[in-house]
Amino acid sequence: MARELIISISGMRGIVGENLFPETAAAYASAFGTFLKQTARRQGQEGPFSVCVGRDSRPSGEMLFAAVAAGLSATGIDVVDLGLVTTPGVGIMLRHLGCSGGMVITASHNPIEYNGLKLLLGNGIAPPSALAEQIRALYFDMELERVDSLKCGRIAASDQTDEVHIEKVMAIVHSEKIRARRFKVVLDSVNGAGGRVGIRLLEQLGCQVVPMNCEPTGLFAHTPEPTAENLTDLCKQVVQCGADVGFAQDPDADRLAIVDENGRYIGEEYTLALAARHVFGHGPGKAAANLSTSRMIDDLAAAMGGKVIRTPVGEANVAEAMIKHACVIGGEGNGGVIDLRVGPIRDSLVAMALVLQLQADTGKSIGQLVNEIGAYHVVKTKFTADAAQARLIIAKFGEQFGDAIVDKSDGCRFDFADGWVHLRTSNTEPIMRAIVETRTPEATAVYVDAVHAICKNVL
């Protein structure tokens, strides 16, 4: 039985040859082009219109680019082919070139058989849910504004992305101070889009780079999600070569996981925490983070007189909150860091630069900094559940733990004095996620066991 193509606030994601085909991608691109033109007309604007398109290294990326370019051109949208670049790179270039929007051909951390299409508006942010639903409706209703031969969009190429991206990241750090430390860094790019630009950035910051899996073949050397079980080789390599830190990107390089100088995988949650520690070190301010992100950022903000704005899961939700509340840092607990000075998209290059700056400023190792921040015990799990089952699981958990403070803006987050539990359905996979965080493994186990028992009963 074929699995269902997923179209959500995060764009389109599916399995190539099973539910994601060139005609699928072309129609979705035409729906996006139609949406851009209709939106402009409502605002009293006329063309020309252009869309930046970049792709990660997956072998299916070139095929899908051809389809996407055709779909956009068929609606009269000019296409700027950025080639093989990172997701944050596309967001930076569409604003740099003044494009109407952007499309990224990527399935992020999903296995190689997947690919997808991520949409970005002219401000560099993914469409919020209401606008994403408009695009989805245009696609399903096939209400596409196709043009005649003379009005088809043109296709051009740009190779500026890495240069512009690095320039923006370098502008937010004191590069000379980082260069003086001559950090030795192991970079694992899982054969995705981040290796080329990641190495260039680190070298410009004076780092000695030990590359791992940096060839952009798209043939992932290990399971691409940058979690502990997938990064054992990186942990070993950091120890073997005596590196100061190990960095791991996901295939489209919007997420970063970190390994300390002792070869210890410290977890994606610490990526945002370390970046926030650096930013808050320059004075109090506001941060934005989604409901699934660790309380570590709340602790750091409180220590500096700052405040954390919580949002539903989704990069666009965090970015919108950052802009609305003038946040100095933001991101998600999956290793995604957003700094509006570079762009409103999670960016592994920003994360690397801010973490290295923190090390340079404090003279401390990653291990020492992590120990100072303190530890929460986090368990993340997922299981297949349809919408009705997910609602029942959440309801039963709420009945069992009626003393919790509840936030229903995205699934349901239950806050307790000793921690929190977040239950929600995924935007990108047909699954339900459960995240539990407390100060101790024993307290975490109580909530995890409760979730497992409820799921066993419901599923």
Protein backbone atom coordinates (compact mmCIF):
# COMPACT_ATOMS: atom_id res chain seq x y z
CA MET A 1 0.00 0.00 0.00
CA ALA A 2 1.48 3.37 -1.07
CA ARG A 3 2.15 5.86 1.68
CA GLU A 4 0.35 9.20 1.56
CA LEU A 5 2.01 12.33 0.19
CA ILE A 6 2.26 14.90 3.00
CA ILE A 7 1.36 18.53 2.28
CA SER A 8 1.43 20.75 5.34
CA ILE A 9 2.69 24.07 6.72
CA SER A 10 6.17 22.65 6.09
CA GLY A 11 5.50 22.17 2.37
CA MET A 12 5.34 18.90 0.42
CA ARG A 13 7.19 15.74 1.36
CA GLY A 14 6.95 12.26 -0.09
CA ILE A 15 8.70 9.21 -1.50
CA VAL A 16 10.06 9.63 -5.01
CA GLY A 17 8.49 7.14 -7.42
CA GLU A 18 5.79 6.15 -4.94
CA ASN A 19 3.81 9.32 -4.25
CA LEU A 20 6.13 12.13 -5.39
CA PHE A 21 6.52 12.45 -9.17
CA PRO A 22 7.72 15.19 -11.56
CA GLU A 23 4.14 16.08 -12.44
CA THR A 24 3.35 16.37 -8.71
CA ALA A 25 6.23 18.78 -8.16
CA ALA A 26 5.38 20.80 -11.28
CA ALA A 27 1.75 21.23 -10.21
CA TYR A 28 2.75 22.24 -6.66
CA ALA A 29 5.23 24.78 -8.06
CA SER A 30 2.50 26.15 -10.32
CA ALA A 31 0.21 26.46 -7.30
CA PHE A 32 2.91 28.44 -5.50
CA GLY A 33 3.45 30.65 -8.53
CA THR A 34 -0.31 31.24 -8.81
CA PHE A 35 -0.45 32.12 -5.12
CA LEU A 36 2.38 34.64 -5.45
CA LYS A 37 0.71 36.38 -8.40
CA GLN A 38 -2.73 36.46 -6.79
CA THR A 39 -1.29 37.80 -3.54
CA ALA A 40 0.56 40.54 -5.41
CA ARG A 41 -2.58 41.56 -7.31
CA ARG A 42 -4.56 41.85 -4.08
CA GLN A 43 -1.87 44.24 -2.87
CA GLY A 44 -2.07 46.26 -6.08
CA GLN A 45 1.25 44.99 -7.41
CA GLU A 46 2.17 43.66 -10.81
CA GLY A 47 5.17 41.61 -11.99
CA PRO A 48 7.77 40.69 -12.86
CA PHE A 49 7.89 37.77 -10.45
CA SER A 50 10.85 35.57 -9.64
CA VAL A 51 11.54 32.60 -7.36
CA CYS A 52 14.90 31.30 -6.12
CA VAL A 53 15.17 27.52 -6.23
CA GLY A 54 17.86 25.51 -4.43
CA ARG A 55 18.22 21.82 -3.66
CA ASP A 56 20.06 19.57 -1.28
CA SER A 57 22.27 16.74 -2.54
CA ARG A 58 19.69 13.97 -2.92
CA PRO A 59 20.01 12.19 -6.29
CA SER A 60 16.36 12.98 -7.08
CA GLY A 61 16.99 16.72 -6.63
CA GLU A 62 17.95 17.47 -10.24
CA MET A 63 14.85 15.73 -11.57
CA LEU A 64 12.62 17.65 -9.19
CA PHE A 65 14.34 20.93 -10.02
CA ALA A 66 13.47 20.44 -13.69
CA ALA A 67 9.85 19.85 -12.73
CA VAL A 68 9.69 22.78 -10.32
CA ALA A 69 11.29 25.15 -12.84
CA ALA A 70 8.76 24.07 -15.47
CA GLY A 71 5.85 24.52 -13.08
CA LEU A 72 6.93 28.02 -12.09
CA SER A 73 7.78 29.09 -15.64
CA ALA A 74 4.37 27.86 -16.82
CA THR A 75 2.74 30.44 -14.54
CA GLY A 76 4.95 33.27 -15.79
CA ILE A 77 7.43 33.16 -12.87
CA ASP A 78 11.14 33.65 -13.56
CA VAL A 79 13.38 31.06 -11.91
CA VAL A 80 16.81 31.66 -10.35
CA ASP A 81 18.58 28.31 -10.15
CA LEU A 82 20.86 28.39 -7.09
CA GLY A 83 21.98 24.80 -7.60
CA LEU A 84 23.06 22.64 -4.69
CA VAL A 85 22.82 24.89 -1.62
CA THR A 86 21.57 24.89 1.97
CA THR A 87 18.03 25.75 2.99
CA PRO A 88 19.12 28.92 4.86
CA GLY A 89 21.15 29.84 1.78
CA VAL A 90 17.97 29.94 -0.31
CA GLY A 91 16.29 32.20 2.26
CA ILE A 92 19.25 34.56 2.22
CA MET A 93 19.49 34.72 -1.57
CA LEU A 94 15.81 35.35 -2.26
CA ARG A 95 16.02 38.48 -0.11
CA HIS A 96 19.45 39.41 -1.49
CA LEU A 97 18.12 39.24 -5.06
CA GLY A 98 14.68 40.70 -4.27
CA CYS A 99 12.77 37.60 -5.39
CA SER A 100 9.06 37.08 -4.83
CA GLY A 101 9.67 33.80 -3.04
CA GLY A 102 11.82 30.71 -2.78
CA MET A 103 11.58 26.94 -3.07
CA VAL A 104 13.93 24.41 -1.51
CA ILE A 105 14.02 20.86 -2.84
CA THR A 106 14.78 18.88 0.29
CA ALA A 107 13.41 16.28 2.67
CA SER A 108 15.59 17.56 5.50
CA HIS A 109 16.53 14.66 7.83
CA ASN A 110 14.31 12.04 6.15
CA PRO A 111 15.92 8.95 4.56
CA ILE A 112 17.21 9.01 0.99
CA GLU A 113 14.02 7.69 -0.63
CA TYR A 114 12.22 10.87 0.44
CA ASN A 115 12.32 14.30 -1.12
CA GLY A 116 10.17 17.37 -0.79
CA LEU A 117 9.45 20.99 -1.59
CA LYS A 118 9.73 23.72 1.03
CA LEU A 119 8.20 27.12 0.28
CA LEU A 120 9.49 30.53 1.35
CA LEU A 121 7.74 33.88 0.98
CA GLY A 122 9.50 37.06 -0.10
CA ASN A 123 10.47 37.81 3.52
CA GLY A 124 12.39 34.54 3.68
CA ILE A 125 9.89 32.83 6.00
CA ALA A 126 7.78 29.77 5.26
CA PRO A 127 4.10 30.59 4.75
CA PRO A 128 2.07 30.65 7.99
CA SER A 129 -0.69 28.07 8.26
CA ALA A 130 -3.45 30.22 6.73
CA LEU A 131 -1.39 31.01 3.63
CA ALA A 132 -0.04 27.47 3.39
CA GLU A 133 -3.64 26.29 3.29
CA GLN A 134 -4.37 28.67 0.37
CA ILE A 135 -1.48 27.16 -1.61
CA ARG A 136 -2.62 23.66 -0.70
CA ALA A 137 -6.16 24.45 -1.93
CA LEU A 138 -4.85 25.81 -5.24
CA TYR A 139 -2.89 22.58 -5.72
CA PHE A 140 -5.74 20.20 -4.91
CA ASP A 141 -8.34 22.20 -6.85
CA MET A 142 -5.87 22.62 -9.75
CA GLU A 143 -6.77 26.30 -9.98
CA LEU A 144 -3.50 27.19 -11.69
CA GLU A 145 -2.84 30.36 -13.68
CA ARG A 146 -0.92 29.09 -16.69
CA VAL A 147 0.38 31.56 -19.30
CA ASP A 148 0.96 31.42 -23.05
CA SER A 149 4.28 30.89 -24.81
CA LEU A 150 5.36 34.54 -24.86
CA LYS A 151 4.75 35.03 -21.13
CA CYS A 152 6.52 31.94 -19.77
CA GLY A 153 9.10 32.64 -17.10
CA ARG A 154 12.82 32.58 -17.87
CA ILE A 155 15.39 30.42 -16.08
CA ALA A 156 18.78 31.80 -15.03
CA ALA A 157 21.47 30.61 -12.62
CA SER A 158 23.36 32.17 -9.72
CA ASP A 159 26.45 30.82 -7.94
CA GLN A 160 26.64 33.53 -5.27
CA THR A 161 24.87 31.72 -2.44
CA ASP A 162 27.86 30.47 -0.43
CA GLU A 163 29.67 33.79 -0.68
CA VAL A 164 26.67 35.86 0.43
CA HIS A 165 25.79 33.41 3.21
CA ILE A 166 29.30 33.40 4.68
CA GLU A 167 29.55 37.17 4.49
CA LYS A 168 26.35 37.55 6.53
CA VAL A 169 27.45 35.04 9.16
CA MET A 170 30.91 36.57 9.51
CA ALA A 171 29.28 39.95 10.20
CA ILE A 172 27.68 38.75 13.45
CA VAL A 173 30.87 37.48 15.15
CA HIS A 174 34.29 38.85 16.08
CA SER A 175 36.20 36.72 13.63
CA GLU A 176 39.69 37.78 14.77
CA LYS A 177 38.98 36.55 18.29
CA ILE A 178 37.83 33.18 16.95
CA ARG A 179 40.81 32.93 14.58
CA ALA A 180 43.19 33.49 17.46
CA ARG A 181 42.00 30.26 19.09
CA ARG A 182 42.77 28.07 16.04
CA PHE A 183 40.00 25.65 16.90
CA LYS A 184 40.19 22.14 15.52
CA VAL A 185 36.74 21.15 14.28
CA VAL A 186 35.40 17.87 12.90
CA LEU A 187 32.52 18.57 10.51
CA ASP A 188 30.10 15.78 9.53
CA SER A 189 27.80 16.95 6.74
CA VAL A 190 26.27 13.52 6.05
CA ASN A 191 27.02 13.98 2.30
CA GLY A 192 24.42 16.74 2.18
CA ALA A 193 24.41 20.36 1.10
CA GLY A 194 26.26 21.86 4.07
CA GLY A 195 29.78 20.51 3.66
CA ARG A 196 31.11 22.89 1.02
CA VAL A 197 29.91 26.11 2.62
CA GLY A 198 30.49 24.79 6.14
CA ILE A 199 34.16 24.10 5.46
CA ARG A 200 34.59 27.52 3.86
CA LEU A 201 33.07 29.30 6.85
CA LEU A 202 35.14 27.38 9.39
CA GLU A 203 38.34 28.00 7.46
CA GLN A 204 37.59 31.73 7.29
CA LEU A 205 37.18 31.59 11.07
CA GLY A 206 40.71 30.19 11.31
CA CYS A 207 39.66 26.65 12.17
CA GLN A 208 41.54 23.51 11.27
CA VAL A 209 38.78 21.45 9.69
CA VAL A 210 38.63 17.67 9.71
CA PRO A 211 35.92 16.85 7.14
CA MET A 212 33.66 13.81 7.46
CA ASN A 213 31.11 12.90 4.82
CA CYS A 214 31.41 16.35 3.23
CA GLU A 215 31.15 15.21 -0.41
CA PRO A 216 27.65 16.26 -1.55
CA THR A 217 26.74 12.91 -3.10
CA GLY A 218 23.37 12.59 -1.39
CA LEU A 219 24.33 8.99 -0.56
CA PHE A 220 24.15 9.48 3.18
CA ALA A 221 27.00 7.85 5.09
CA HIS A 222 24.66 7.25 8.03
CA THR A 223 21.02 7.82 8.90
CA PRO A 224 20.73 11.56 8.23
CA GLU A 225 18.97 12.80 11.36
CA PRO A 226 21.77 14.17 13.63
CA THR A 227 20.90 12.15 16.73
CA ALA A 228 23.21 10.31 19.15
CA GLU A 229 22.77 6.87 17.61
CA ASN A 230 23.66 8.21 14.15
CA LEU A 231 26.79 10.12 15.16
CA THR A 232 28.93 7.48 16.87
CA ASP A 233 31.65 7.80 14.21
CA LEU A 234 31.79 11.57 14.72
CA CYS A 235 32.20 11.08 18.46
CA LYS A 236 35.10 8.69 17.85
CA GLN A 237 36.74 11.00 15.32
CA VAL A 238 36.68 13.98 17.70
CA VAL A 239 38.63 11.96 20.27
CA GLN A 240 41.02 10.38 17.78
CA CYS A 241 42.14 13.68 16.26
CA GLY A 242 42.05 15.70 19.49
CA ALA A 243 39.45 18.16 18.20
CA ASP A 244 37.92 20.99 20.22
CA VAL A 245 34.43 20.24 18.94
CA GLY A 246 32.47 18.13 16.49
CA PHE A 247 29.66 19.60 14.40
CA ALA A 248 27.01 17.56 12.57
CA GLN A 249 24.66 19.03 9.98
CA ASP A 250 21.53 17.49 8.54
CA PRO A 251 21.22 17.15 4.71
CA ASP A 252 19.90 20.68 4.07
CA ALA A 253 22.09 22.21 6.82
CA ASP A 254 19.45 24.05 8.80
CA ARG A 255 20.12 21.95 11.94
CA LEU A 256 23.29 21.40 13.96
CA ALA A 257 24.19 18.81 16.59
CA ILE A 258 27.34 19.13 18.70
CA VAL A 259 29.91 16.71 20.12
CA ASP A 260 32.19 18.02 22.89
CA GLU A 261 35.97 17.68 23.15
CA ASN A 262 35.63 14.35 24.98
CA GLY A 263 33.59 12.77 22.18
CA ARG A 264 30.34 13.19 24.11
CA TYR A 265 27.22 13.81 22.06
CA ILE A 266 25.64 16.65 24.01
CA GLY A 267 22.33 16.67 22.18
CA GLU A 268 20.60 19.02 19.77
CA GLU A 269 18.91 20.90 22.59
CA TYR A 270 22.26 22.38 23.63
CA THR A 271 22.84 23.96 20.20
CA LEU A 272 20.25 26.68 20.82
CA ALA A 273 21.19 26.90 24.51
CA LEU A 274 24.87 27.58 23.73
CA ALA A 275 24.01 30.12 21.04
CA ALA A 276 21.60 31.84 23.45
CA ARG A 277 24.25 31.84 26.18
CA HIS A 278 26.51 33.86 23.87
CA VAL A 279 23.79 36.30 22.81
CA PHE A 280 22.42 36.83 26.31
CA GLY A 281 25.98 37.43 27.48
CA HIS A 282 25.76 40.80 25.72
CA GLY A 283 22.67 41.89 27.64
CA PRO A 284 19.06 40.89 28.35
CA GLY A 285 16.60 40.39 25.55
CA LYS A 286 13.78 38.23 24.30
CA ALA A 287 14.11 34.82 22.70
CA ALA A 288 11.57 32.69 20.84
CA ALA A 289 11.39 28.90 20.97
CA ASN A 290 8.76 26.32 20.18
CA LEU A 291 6.84 24.29 22.71
CA SER A 292 9.11 21.26 22.19
CA THR A 293 12.28 23.12 23.15
CA SER A 294 14.11 22.57 26.45
CA ARG A 295 13.67 24.79 29.49
CA MET A 296 17.41 25.49 29.31
CA ILE A 297 16.74 28.60 27.25
CA ASP A 298 14.25 29.82 29.88
CA ASP A 299 16.91 29.39 32.57
CA LEU A 300 19.49 31.31 30.52
CA ALA A 301 17.06 34.13 29.72
CA ALA A 302 15.93 34.44 33.35
CA ALA A 303 19.52 34.66 34.58
CA MET A 304 20.04 37.70 32.33
CA GLY A 305 16.66 39.33 32.94
CA GLY A 306 15.30 38.17 29.60
CA LYS A 307 12.14 36.39 28.49
CA VAL A 308 11.24 33.46 26.25
CA ILE A 309 8.26 33.58 23.87
CA ARG A 310 6.84 30.09 23.25
CA THR A 311 5.33 29.18 19.86
CA PRO A 312 3.81 26.18 18.10
CA VAL A 313 6.35 23.90 16.42
CA GLY A 314 7.44 25.15 13.03
CA GLU A 315 10.21 27.44 11.90
CA ALA A 316 7.75 29.99 10.52
CA ASN A 317 6.02 30.29 13.88
CA VAL A 318 9.31 30.94 15.68
CA ALA A 319 10.49 33.45 13.06
CA GLU A 320 7.21 35.38 13.16
CA ALA A 321 7.39 35.59 16.96
CA MET A 322 11.00 36.79 16.74
CA ILE A 323 10.05 39.60 14.39
CA LYS A 324 6.93 40.55 16.36
CA HIS A 325 8.75 40.67 19.72
CA ALA A 326 12.16 41.90 18.45
CA CYS A 327 13.89 38.75 19.73
CA VAL A 328 17.68 38.63 19.79
CA ILE A 329 17.82 34.85 19.28
CA GLY A 330 15.42 32.03 18.56
CA GLY A 331 15.11 28.51 17.33
CA GLU A 332 14.01 24.99 18.07
CA GLY A 333 15.27 22.12 20.17
CA ASN A 334 16.15 20.08 17.08
CA GLY A 335 19.44 21.95 16.67
CA GLY A 336 17.91 24.88 14.77
CA VAL A 337 19.18 28.37 15.57
CA ILE A 338 17.72 31.56 14.08
CA ASP A 339 19.49 34.93 14.16
CA LEU A 340 17.52 37.62 12.32
CA ARG A 341 20.72 39.48 11.51
CA VAL A 342 21.45 36.68 9.03
CA GLY A 343 17.95 35.51 8.22
CA PRO A 344 14.65 34.19 9.62
CA ILE A 345 15.54 30.55 8.96
CA ARG A 346 17.25 27.91 11.09
CA ASP A 347 20.90 27.99 10.10
CA SER A 348 23.69 25.55 11.02
CA LEU A 349 26.34 28.09 9.95
CA VAL A 350 24.95 30.66 12.37
CA ALA A 351 24.94 28.02 15.10
CA MET A 352 28.57 27.04 14.45
CA ALA A 353 29.76 30.65 14.44
CA LEU A 354 27.93 31.63 17.64
CA VAL A 355 29.14 28.54 19.52
CA LEU A 356 32.75 29.15 18.45
CA GLN A 357 32.39 32.79 19.49
CA LEU A 358 31.17 31.67 22.92
CA GLN A 359 34.20 29.42 23.29
CA ALA A 360 36.53 32.19 22.20
CA ASP A 361 34.97 34.77 24.53
CA THR A 362 34.94 32.54 27.61
CA GLY A 363 38.08 30.50 27.01
CA LYS A 364 36.05 27.43 27.99
CA SER A 365 35.53 24.12 26.26
CA ILE A 366 32.16 22.86 25.06
CA GLY A 367 32.13 20.35 27.91
CA GLN A 368 32.69 23.06 30.51
CA LEU A 369 30.02 25.32 29.01
CA VAL A 370 27.49 22.49 28.90
CA ASN A 371 28.17 21.60 32.53
CA GLU A 372 27.63 25.24 33.54
CA ILE A 373 24.28 25.41 31.74
CA GLY A 374 23.15 22.32 33.59
CA ALA A 375 21.31 19.26 32.47
CA TYR A 376 17.74 18.25 31.94
CA HIS A 377 16.85 14.68 31.10
CA VAL A 378 15.03 14.51 27.76
CA VAL A 379 13.36 11.58 26.04
CA LYS A 380 11.98 11.97 22.52
CA THR A 381 9.88 9.20 21.05
CA LYS A 382 7.48 8.78 18.15
CA PHE A 383 4.83 6.30 17.07
CA THR A 384 2.32 5.88 14.27
CA ALA A 385 -1.07 7.32 15.15
CA ASP A 386 -3.90 8.82 13.12
CA ALA A 387 -5.61 12.08 14.10
CA ALA A 388 -8.37 10.41 16.13
CA GLN A 389 -5.90 8.23 18.02
CA ALA A 390 -3.69 11.25 18.73
CA ARG A 391 -6.61 13.18 20.20
CA LEU A 392 -7.51 10.22 22.40
CA ILE A 393 -3.93 9.79 23.63
CA ILE A 394 -3.74 13.48 24.56
CA ALA A 395 -7.11 13.36 26.33
CA LYS A 396 -6.19 10.29 28.37
CA PHE A 397 -2.84 11.80 29.38
CA GLY A 398 -4.65 14.96 30.49
CA GLU A 399 -7.08 12.91 32.59
CA GLN A 400 -4.18 11.11 34.28
CA PHE A 401 -2.24 14.31 35.00
CA GLY A 402 -4.94 16.86 35.74
CA ASP A 403 -2.66 19.14 37.76
CA ALA A 404 -0.64 20.26 34.73
CA ILE A 405 -0.61 23.72 33.15
CA VAL A 406 -1.84 23.05 29.60
CA ASP A 407 -0.96 24.79 26.32
CA LYS A 408 -3.07 23.59 23.36
CA SER A 409 -1.61 25.84 20.66
CA ASP A 410 0.17 22.86 19.05
CA GLY A 411 -1.00 19.44 20.10
CA CYS A 412 -0.81 19.68 23.87
CA ARG A 413 2.02 20.64 26.20
CA PHE A 414 1.64 19.72 29.87
CA ASP A 415 3.83 21.72 32.27
CA PHE A 416 4.61 20.50 35.77
CA ALA A 417 6.83 21.82 38.54
CA ASP A 418 9.45 19.18 37.71
CA GLY A 419 9.23 19.24 33.91
CA TRP A 420 6.95 19.04 30.89
CA VAL A 421 5.46 16.70 28.29
CA HIS A 422 4.60 17.69 24.72
CA LEU A 423 2.34 15.47 22.63
CA ARG A 424 1.72 16.43 19.00
CA THR A 425 1.36 15.08 15.48
CA SER A 426 4.20 15.69 13.03
CA ASN A 427 3.96 18.19 10.16
CA THR A 428 6.25 16.11 7.96
CA GLU A 429 5.60 12.44 8.78
CA PRO A 430 2.45 10.37 9.54
CA ILE A 431 3.44 9.99 13.18
CA MET A 432 2.84 11.38 16.66
CA ARG A 433 5.75 12.71 18.72
CA ALA A 434 6.15 12.71 22.48
CA ILE A 435 8.84 14.78 24.19
CA VAL A 436 9.42 14.58 27.92
CA GLU A 437 11.87 16.72 29.90
CA THR A 438 12.60 16.79 33.63
CA ARG A 439 15.61 17.30 35.88
CA THR A 440 16.11 13.59 36.58
CA PRO A 441 15.88 10.30 34.66
CA GLU A 442 13.53 8.95 37.32
CA ALA A 443 11.02 11.78 36.93
CA THR A 444 11.22 11.55 33.15
CA ALA A 445 10.56 7.81 33.29
CA VAL A 446 7.27 8.39 35.14
CA TYR A 447 5.87 10.47 32.28
CA VAL A 448 7.41 8.33 29.51
CA ASP A 449 5.97 5.17 31.01
CA ALA A 450 2.56 6.83 31.26
CA VAL A 451 2.68 7.83 27.58
CA HIS A 452 3.72 4.30 26.54
CA ALA A 453 0.95 2.72 28.60
CA ILE A 454 -1.69 5.02 27.11
CA CYS A 455 -0.39 4.42 23.58
CA LYS A 456 -0.42 0.66 24.09
CA ASN A 457 -4.04 0.88 25.18
CA VAL A 458 -5.14 3.21 22.38
CA LEU A 459 -3.11 1.81 19.49
